[in-house]
C-alpha atoms as a PDB file:
ATOM      1  CA  MET A   1      92.926 126.165  82.618  1.00  0.00           C
ATOM      2  CA  GLU A   2      92.625 124.418  85.856  1.00  0.00           C
ATOM      3  CA  ASP A   3      91.933 120.549  86.628  1.00  0.00           C
ATOM      4  CA  ALA A   4      88.329 119.953  87.308  1.00  0.00           C
ATOM      5  CA  ARG A   5      88.933 117.088  90.125  1.00  0.00           C
ATOM      6  CA  PRO A   6      87.573 117.890  92.992  1.00  0.00           C
ATOM      7  CA  ARG A   7      89.498 119.146  96.301  1.00  0.00           C
ATOM      8  CA  HIS A   8      88.883 115.975  98.078  1.00  0.00           C
ATOM      9  CA  GLU A   9      90.238 113.556  95.595  1.00  0.00           C
ATOM     10  CA  GLU A  10      93.869 116.523  95.207  1.00  0.00           C
ATOM     11  CA  ILE A  11      94.052 115.725  98.655  1.00  0.00           C
ATOM     12  CA  GLU A  12      93.691 111.849  98.387  1.00  0.00           C
ATOM     13  CA  GLU A  13      96.318 111.654  95.572  1.00  0.00           C
ATOM     14  CA  GLN A  14      98.923 114.116  97.600  1.00  0.00           C
ATOM     15  CA  TRP A  15      98.573 111.806 100.865  1.00  0.00           C
ATOM     16  CA  THR A  16      98.527 108.941  99.179  1.00  0.00           C
ATOM     17  CA  ASP A  17     101.571 109.611  97.643  1.00  0.00           C
ATOM     18  CA  TYR A  18     103.334 110.875 100.931  1.00  0.00           C
ATOM     19  CA  ALA A  19     102.643 107.288 102.347  1.00  0.00           C
ATOM     20  CA  GLN A  20     104.125 105.424  99.289  1.00  0.00           C
ATOM     21  CA  GLN A  21     106.907 107.765  99.355  1.00  0.00           C
ATOM     22  CA  HIS A  22     107.506 106.953 102.764  1.00  0.00           C
ATOM     23  CA  LEU A  23     105.851 103.401 103.555  1.00  0.00           C
ATOM     24  CA  GLU A  24     106.064 101.657 100.132  1.00  0.00           C
ATOM     25  CA  GLY A  25     108.923  98.395  99.682  1.00  0.00           C
ATOM     26  CA  ARG A  26     110.189  99.050 103.741  1.00  0.00           C
ATOM     27  CA  LYS A  27     110.049  96.493 105.768  1.00  0.00           C
ATOM     28  CA  VAL A  28     109.145  95.960 109.469  1.00  0.00           C
ATOM     29  CA  VAL A  29     112.240  94.918 111.993  1.00  0.00           C
ATOM     30  CA  GLU A  30     110.403  95.424 114.962  1.00  0.00           C
ATOM     31  CA  VAL A  31     106.949  95.451 116.847  1.00  0.00           C
ATOM     32  CA  ARG A  32     106.082  97.063 120.310  1.00  0.00           C
ATOM     33  CA  TYR A  33     104.132  99.517 122.825  1.00  0.00           C
ATOM     34  CA  MET A  34     105.206 102.526 123.368  1.00  0.00           C
ATOM     35  CA  SER A  35     106.796 102.704 126.798  1.00  0.00           C
ATOM     36  CA  GLU A  36     104.881 104.940 129.259  1.00  0.00           C
ATOM     37  CA  GLU A  37     107.890 106.849 129.566  1.00  0.00           C
ATOM     38  CA  GLU A  38     107.553 107.543 125.345  1.00  0.00           C
ATOM     39  CA  GLY A  39     103.762 108.529 125.891  1.00  0.00           C
ATOM     40  CA  ASP A  40     104.302 110.863 128.171  1.00  0.00           C
ATOM     41  CA  THR A  41     106.716 113.011 126.059  1.00  0.00           C
ATOM     42  CA  PHE A  42     103.169 113.089 123.900  1.00  0.00           C
ATOM     43  CA  GLY A  43     100.999 113.564 127.439  1.00  0.00           C
ATOM     44  CA  TRP A  44      99.233 110.530 126.676  1.00  0.00           C
ATOM     45  CA  HIS A  45      97.576 108.440 129.064  1.00  0.00           C
ATOM     46  CA  LYS A  46      97.355 105.171 126.359  1.00  0.00           C
ATOM     47  CA  ARG A  47     100.006 103.776 124.604  1.00  0.00           C
ATOM     48  CA  PRO A  48      99.387 102.529 121.184  1.00  0.00           C
ATOM     49  CA  LEU A  49     101.447  99.950 119.066  1.00  0.00           C
ATOM     50  CA  ILE A  50     104.301 100.634 117.151  1.00  0.00           C
ATOM     51  CA  LEU A  51     105.928  99.765 113.946  1.00  0.00           C
ATOM     52  CA  ILE A  52     109.471 100.336 113.261  1.00  0.00           C
ATOM     53  CA  PHE A  53     111.294  99.941 109.842  1.00  0.00           C
ATOM     54  CA  ASP A  54     114.415  98.935 108.181  1.00  0.00           C
ATOM     55  CA  ASP A  55     115.808 102.551 107.430  1.00  0.00           C
ATOM     56  CA  LYS A  56     114.118 103.300 111.524  1.00  0.00           C
ATOM     57  CA  THR A  57     110.968 104.718 110.317  1.00  0.00           C
ATOM     58  CA  VAL A  58     108.852 105.142 113.641  1.00  0.00           C
ATOM     59  CA  LEU A  59     104.843 104.669 112.968  1.00  0.00           C
ATOM     60  CA  PHE A  60     102.009 104.588 115.927  1.00  0.00           C
ATOM     61  CA  ALA A  61      98.299 105.662 115.829  1.00  0.00           C
ATOM     62  CA  SER A  62      96.996 108.504 117.186  1.00  0.00           C
ATOM     63  CA  GLN A  63      92.967 109.396 118.050  1.00  0.00           C
ATOM     64  CA  ASP A  64      93.278 112.222 115.883  1.00  0.00           C
ATOM     65  CA  ASP A  65      95.165 114.166 113.262  1.00  0.00           C
ATOM     66  CA  GLU A  66      96.082 116.639 115.849  1.00  0.00           C
ATOM     67  CA  GLY A  67      98.016 113.745 118.124  1.00  0.00           C
ATOM     68  CA  ASN A  68      95.898 114.262 120.523  1.00  0.00           C
ATOM     69  CA  GLY A  69      95.649 111.016 122.255  1.00  0.00           C
ATOM     70  CA  ALA A  70      96.925 107.126 121.427  1.00  0.00           C
ATOM     71  CA  GLY A  71      94.932 105.104 118.945  1.00  0.00           C
ATOM     72  CA  SER A  72      94.213 101.295 117.634  1.00  0.00           C
ATOM     73  CA  LEU A  73      95.535  99.984 115.024  1.00  0.00           C
ATOM     74  CA  PHE A  74      92.802  97.717 112.294  1.00  0.00           C
ATOM     75  CA  GLY A  75      93.095  95.183 109.636  1.00  0.00           C
ATOM     76  CA  GLN A  76      92.676  91.908 107.818  1.00  0.00           C
ATOM     77  CA  ASN A  77      93.915  88.807 106.997  1.00  0.00           C
ATOM     78  CA  GLN A  78      93.305  85.714 105.006  1.00  0.00           C
ATOM     79  CA  THR A  79      94.141  83.685 108.412  1.00  0.00           C
ATOM     80  CA  VAL A  80      92.867  84.786 110.878  1.00  0.00           C
ATOM     81  CA  GLY A  81      90.252  87.966 109.901  1.00  0.00           C
ATOM     82  CA  GLU A  82      89.745  90.962 111.441  1.00  0.00           C
ATOM     83  CA  LEU A  83      93.088  91.553 113.492  1.00  0.00           C
ATOM     84  CA  THR A  84      92.786  94.693 116.485  1.00  0.00           C
ATOM     85  CA  PHE A  85      95.736  96.101 118.001  1.00  0.00           C
ATOM     86  CA  PRO A  86      94.370  98.590 120.812  1.00  0.00           C
ATOM     87  CA  SER A  87      95.876 101.286 122.594  1.00  0.00           C
ATOM     88  CA  LEU A  88      96.665  99.950 126.429  1.00  0.00           C
END
């Protein structure tokens, strides 16, 4: 018998597992903006914030799933509330 869960729940579970495998428990060891040279390799005119983790994983935002441009990061914390890290 097939799993009765809707497809979107399966996809969410798959990507959540992927994120947990690569990011959970990691420590951010460096934060910087992408250099112009790095942005040029993607053909981007704007540069996103880069997070570098203790296992050398590099994470940065894209405007879409296809990597068509730099994206901004948004978040929240208990000290200042909303956080915005724009692409430059």
